[in-house]
């Protein structure tokens, strides 16, 4: 059975915003390796549209960006959306029964499946389907934006923490 993991970069004041801060080289390498190991990703529409950036090659990319793009392209993706009518390569649209689709996905797969996007994560949290929450805590303060927890924070228990690079702390929680 697969494990659903919601993980994102977060500011000290609890916000996620890929345009306000980005992972440094060591953390980016960590994300490449994680993406290579994952059994797939479940995306909300907005996060999927952001990540579609990796579908096309860009001449300015370095070796790490090319490696991430290759890992992302090879990974199966499930996109939860009522408005999209189609999705890109190696992706499937989930537009009906969210709970049934995700329970089936977890039962049919092994390994770790990433959950991407705070709005989708809230829906899956409300359904009791997220097995692990991973916060990559960056030393920045944004004072606005989209919060990591799009709803009330569920009761959590810290199971691991470590430092990645010089300034990011990874916090791993499970539902309490």
Protein backbone atom coordinates (compact mmCIF):
# COMPACT_ATOMS: atom_id res chain seq x y z
CA UNK A 1 0.00 0.00 0.00
CA UNK A 2 1.26 3.45 -0.91
CA UNK A 3 1.85 6.24 1.56
CA UNK A 4 0.58 9.76 0.75
CA UNK A 5 3.07 12.48 1.70
CA UNK A 6 2.34 16.21 1.58
CA UNK A 7 5.62 18.11 1.51
CA UNK A 8 6.44 21.69 0.57
CA UNK A 9 8.86 24.51 1.17
CA UNK A 10 7.54 26.84 3.87
CA UNK A 11 8.51 30.22 5.27
CA UNK A 12 8.99 30.75 9.00
CA UNK A 13 5.56 32.34 9.15
CA UNK A 14 3.83 29.39 7.49
CA UNK A 15 3.49 30.35 3.82
CA UNK A 16 4.34 28.53 0.60
CA UNK A 17 5.29 30.57 -2.44
CA UNK A 18 7.62 29.22 -5.12
CA UNK A 19 8.17 32.75 -6.45
CA UNK A 20 9.32 34.23 -3.11
CA UNK A 21 12.06 31.72 -2.25
CA UNK A 22 13.58 28.64 -3.81
CA UNK A 23 15.62 25.66 -2.74
CA UNK A 24 19.38 26.01 -2.79
CA UNK A 25 21.58 23.48 -4.63
CA UNK A 26 21.70 20.89 -1.82
CA UNK A 27 17.94 20.93 -1.25
CA UNK A 28 17.26 20.87 -4.99
CA UNK A 29 19.42 17.74 -5.26
CA UNK A 30 17.39 16.24 -2.40
CA UNK A 31 14.20 16.93 -4.40
CA UNK A 32 15.67 15.28 -7.51
CA UNK A 33 16.47 12.12 -5.55
CA UNK A 34 13.06 12.12 -3.86
CA UNK A 35 11.26 12.51 -7.19
CA UNK A 36 13.27 9.62 -8.66
CA UNK A 37 12.17 7.36 -5.77
CA UNK A 38 8.50 8.34 -5.59
CA UNK A 39 5.76 6.09 -6.92
CA UNK A 40 4.02 9.18 -8.33
CA UNK A 41 2.42 12.51 -7.49
CA UNK A 42 -1.12 13.75 -6.94
CA UNK A 43 -1.61 17.37 -7.96
CA UNK A 44 -4.29 19.95 -7.59
CA UNK A 45 -4.94 21.91 -10.76
CA UNK A 46 -2.99 25.04 -9.79
CA UNK A 47 0.11 23.16 -8.66
CA UNK A 48 -0.01 20.92 -11.73
CA UNK A 49 -0.14 23.94 -14.02
CA UNK A 50 2.93 25.39 -12.24
CA UNK A 51 4.79 22.09 -12.52
CA UNK A 52 4.04 21.73 -16.25
CA UNK A 53 7.07 24.02 -16.63
CA UNK A 54 9.15 20.82 -16.38
CA UNK A 55 7.47 19.27 -19.46
CA UNK A 56 9.54 21.37 -21.86
CA UNK A 57 13.33 21.59 -22.07
CA UNK A 58 14.92 24.99 -21.51
CA UNK A 59 18.38 25.75 -22.95
CA UNK A 60 19.48 27.64 -19.81
CA UNK A 61 19.01 24.60 -17.54
CA UNK A 62 21.99 23.13 -15.75
CA UNK A 63 22.49 19.37 -15.19
CA UNK A 64 20.40 19.35 -11.99
CA UNK A 65 17.42 20.99 -13.67
CA UNK A 66 17.62 18.52 -16.54
CA UNK A 67 17.79 15.66 -14.01
CA UNK A 68 14.73 16.96 -12.14
CA UNK A 69 12.79 17.38 -15.38
CA UNK A 70 13.62 13.81 -16.42
CA UNK A 71 12.51 12.43 -13.04
CA UNK A 72 9.31 14.49 -13.10
CA UNK A 73 8.45 13.45 -16.65
CA UNK A 74 8.99 9.75 -15.86
CA UNK A 75 6.79 9.84 -12.78
CA UNK A 76 3.08 8.99 -13.04
CA UNK A 77 0.89 11.93 -12.09
CA UNK A 78 -2.76 12.17 -11.07
CA UNK A 79 -4.35 15.59 -11.43
CA UNK A 80 -7.42 16.44 -9.37
CA UNK A 81 -9.54 18.98 -11.23
CA UNK A 82 -13.15 19.69 -12.13
CA UNK A 83 -12.19 22.28 -14.74
CA UNK A 84 -9.42 20.62 -16.76
CA UNK A 85 -10.55 18.44 -19.66
CA UNK A 86 -7.14 16.94 -20.40
CA UNK A 87 -3.67 16.67 -18.87
CA UNK A 88 -0.18 16.26 -20.23
CA UNK A 89 2.10 13.27 -20.70
CA UNK A 90 2.23 10.56 -18.04
CA UNK A 91 -0.72 12.15 -16.21
CA UNK A 92 -4.28 11.04 -15.50
CA UNK A 93 -7.24 13.23 -14.66
CA UNK A 94 -9.15 12.64 -11.41
CA UNK A 95 -12.45 14.49 -11.78
CA UNK A 96 -15.02 12.41 -9.93
CA UNK A 97 -15.00 10.76 -6.53
CA UNK A 98 -11.80 12.10 -4.92
CA UNK A 99 -11.88 9.84 -1.88
CA UNK A 100 -12.59 6.69 -3.89
CA UNK A 101 -9.92 7.51 -6.48
CA UNK A 102 -7.23 8.21 -3.90
CA UNK A 103 -8.10 5.17 -1.76
CA UNK A 104 -7.87 3.01 -4.89
CA UNK A 105 -4.56 4.62 -5.87
CA UNK A 106 -3.10 3.97 -2.40
CA UNK A 107 -4.29 0.35 -2.49
CA UNK A 108 -2.92 -0.38 -5.97
CA UNK A 109 0.51 1.23 -5.55
CA UNK A 110 3.52 0.70 -3.33
CA UNK A 111 5.93 3.37 -2.14
CA UNK A 112 5.54 7.05 -1.55
CA UNK A 113 3.10 9.22 -3.49
CA UNK A 114 3.64 12.96 -3.21
CA UNK A 115 0.67 15.26 -2.60
CA UNK A 116 1.33 18.65 -4.18
CA UNK A 117 -0.60 21.76 -3.28
CA UNK A 118 -2.11 23.04 -0.02
CA UNK A 119 -5.72 23.14 -1.25
CA UNK A 120 -5.62 19.51 -2.39
CA UNK A 121 -3.79 18.57 0.81
CA UNK A 122 -6.59 20.12 2.86
CA UNK A 123 -9.19 18.02 1.05
CA UNK A 124 -7.14 14.87 1.56
CA UNK A 125 -6.48 15.79 5.21
CA UNK A 126 -10.22 16.22 5.78
CA UNK A 127 -10.69 12.71 4.34
CA UNK A 128 -7.95 11.29 6.60
CA UNK A 129 -5.85 10.17 3.64
CA UNK A 130 -2.49 11.91 4.19
CA UNK A 131 0.00 9.67 5.97
CA UNK A 132 2.84 12.15 6.41
CA UNK A 133 3.44 15.91 6.35
CA UNK A 134 6.89 17.20 5.47
CA UNK A 135 7.78 20.84 5.98
CA UNK A 136 11.00 22.20 4.49
CA UNK A 137 11.36 25.23 6.74
CA UNK A 138 13.26 28.16 5.20
CA UNK A 139 14.58 31.18 7.15
CA UNK A 140 12.40 33.72 5.36
CA UNK A 141 9.32 35.67 6.46
CA UNK A 142 6.72 36.44 3.80
CA UNK A 143 3.86 38.00 5.81
CA UNK A 144 1.35 36.94 3.12
CA UNK A 145 0.54 34.26 0.61
CA UNK A 146 -0.92 30.80 0.62
CA UNK A 147 -0.46 28.96 3.92
CA UNK A 148 0.98 25.43 4.07
CA UNK A 149 -2.17 24.38 5.94
CA UNK A 150 -5.13 25.63 3.88
CA UNK A 151 -7.46 24.76 6.78
CA UNK A 152 -7.16 24.06 10.48
CA UNK A 153 -3.92 22.29 11.32
CA UNK A 154 -4.63 18.65 12.03
CA UNK A 155 -3.25 17.10 15.23
CA UNK A 156 0.29 16.02 14.34
CA UNK A 157 3.19 14.17 15.95
CA UNK A 158 6.79 14.97 14.99
CA UNK A 159 8.66 11.81 13.96
CA UNK A 160 11.84 13.19 12.39
CA UNK A 161 13.81 16.33 11.72
CA UNK A 162 17.09 17.09 10.03
CA UNK A 163 19.02 19.89 8.41
CA UNK A 164 19.39 20.04 4.64
CA UNK A 165 22.11 22.35 3.45
CA UNK A 166 23.05 25.32 5.55
CA UNK A 167 19.66 26.81 6.32
CA UNK A 168 16.71 24.46 5.75
CA UNK A 169 15.18 22.24 8.42
CA UNK A 170 13.06 19.28 7.32
CA UNK A 171 10.26 18.46 9.77
CA UNK A 172 8.37 15.19 9.31
CA UNK A 173 5.00 14.73 11.00
CA UNK A 174 2.34 12.01 11.05
CA UNK A 175 -1.28 12.41 12.09
CA UNK A 176 -1.55 12.12 15.89
